[in-house]
């Protein structure tokens, strides 16, 4: 999934019925996705647990945003499956 379109790929993502730009970026050795909300950008990255299962995390982690991270992560996954 993450190997397809190049770094700096920009696409739209939906949250609360509004469209926001999402940009795929390289941060150090990690690929991150930056969702440009009006208040502050949200940085998302895909991680892998001890069982090899992938999951989405925000940087820095904020447990109050977990539902947002999961929803946006699903949209990012869908974007790259198309």
Protein backbone atom coordinates (compact mmCIF):
# COMPACT_ATOMS: atom_id res chain seq x y z
CA UNK A 1 0.00 0.00 0.00
CA UNK A 2 2.57 2.62 1.05
CA UNK A 3 4.91 1.92 -1.88
CA UNK A 4 2.48 3.20 -4.51
CA UNK A 5 2.21 6.86 -5.43
CA UNK A 6 5.21 8.98 -4.76
CA UNK A 7 6.05 11.01 -1.72
CA UNK A 8 4.20 14.35 -1.78
CA UNK A 9 1.08 12.70 -3.20
CA UNK A 10 -1.86 14.95 -2.22
CA UNK A 11 -5.49 13.83 -2.12
CA UNK A 12 -8.72 14.81 -0.38
CA UNK A 13 -9.95 13.16 2.80
CA UNK A 14 -13.36 13.62 4.44
CA UNK A 15 -14.09 14.33 8.08
CA UNK A 16 -17.43 15.61 9.43
CA UNK A 17 -18.70 16.03 5.87
CA UNK A 18 -15.85 18.42 4.96
CA UNK A 19 -12.94 17.83 2.60
CA UNK A 20 -9.36 18.33 3.77
CA UNK A 21 -6.07 17.91 1.92
CA UNK A 22 -3.96 14.92 2.94
CA UNK A 23 -0.31 14.80 1.90
CA UNK A 24 1.99 11.76 1.91
CA UNK A 25 5.41 12.83 3.22
CA UNK A 26 8.74 11.36 4.26
CA UNK A 27 9.73 12.28 7.82
CA UNK A 28 13.14 10.84 8.60
CA UNK A 29 12.84 7.19 7.56
CA UNK A 30 9.07 7.08 8.06
CA UNK A 31 6.17 7.76 5.75
CA UNK A 32 3.59 10.04 7.35
CA UNK A 33 0.32 11.48 6.15
CA UNK A 34 -0.49 15.07 7.08
CA UNK A 35 -4.16 16.01 7.18
CA UNK A 36 -4.46 19.80 7.02
CA UNK A 37 -7.27 20.59 9.43
CA UNK A 38 -7.86 24.30 10.03
CA UNK A 39 -6.90 24.25 13.74
CA UNK A 40 -3.70 22.21 13.39
CA UNK A 41 -2.37 19.52 11.08
CA UNK A 42 -2.80 15.91 12.12
CA UNK A 43 0.16 13.60 11.44
CA UNK A 44 -0.70 9.94 10.85
CA UNK A 45 1.58 6.97 10.41
CA UNK A 46 1.06 3.27 9.93
CA UNK A 47 2.68 1.02 12.52
CA UNK A 48 2.83 -2.74 13.09
CA UNK A 49 2.06 -4.55 16.34
CA UNK A 50 3.89 -7.61 17.73
CA UNK A 51 1.60 -9.92 15.70
CA UNK A 52 2.46 -8.18 12.45
CA UNK A 53 -0.93 -6.43 12.20
CA UNK A 54 -0.88 -2.88 10.86
CA UNK A 55 -2.65 -0.03 12.63
CA UNK A 56 -2.79 3.78 12.37
CA UNK A 57 -1.30 6.13 14.95
CA UNK A 58 -1.17 9.90 15.32
CA UNK A 59 2.00 11.81 16.11
CA UNK A 60 2.25 12.76 18.87
CA UNK A 61 -0.23 10.22 20.25
CA UNK A 62 -3.49 11.59 21.65
CA UNK A 63 -6.01 9.04 22.92
CA UNK A 64 -8.83 11.57 22.50
CA UNK A 65 -8.25 11.46 18.73
CA UNK A 66 -8.24 7.65 18.40
CA UNK A 67 -11.63 7.51 16.63
CA UNK A 68 -10.50 10.22 14.19
CA UNK A 69 -7.21 8.41 13.50
CA UNK A 70 -9.01 5.12 12.79
CA UNK A 71 -11.52 6.76 10.44
CA UNK A 72 -8.91 8.74 8.53
CA UNK A 73 -6.57 5.75 8.36
CA UNK A 74 -9.32 3.72 6.68
CA UNK A 75 -9.76 6.46 4.10
CA UNK A 76 -6.01 6.54 3.41
CA UNK A 77 -6.02 2.75 2.98
CA UNK A 78 -8.97 3.05 0.56
CA UNK A 79 -7.22 5.79 -1.42
CA UNK A 80 -4.25 3.52 -2.09
CA UNK A 81 -6.39 0.47 -2.91
CA UNK A 82 -8.04 2.29 -5.82
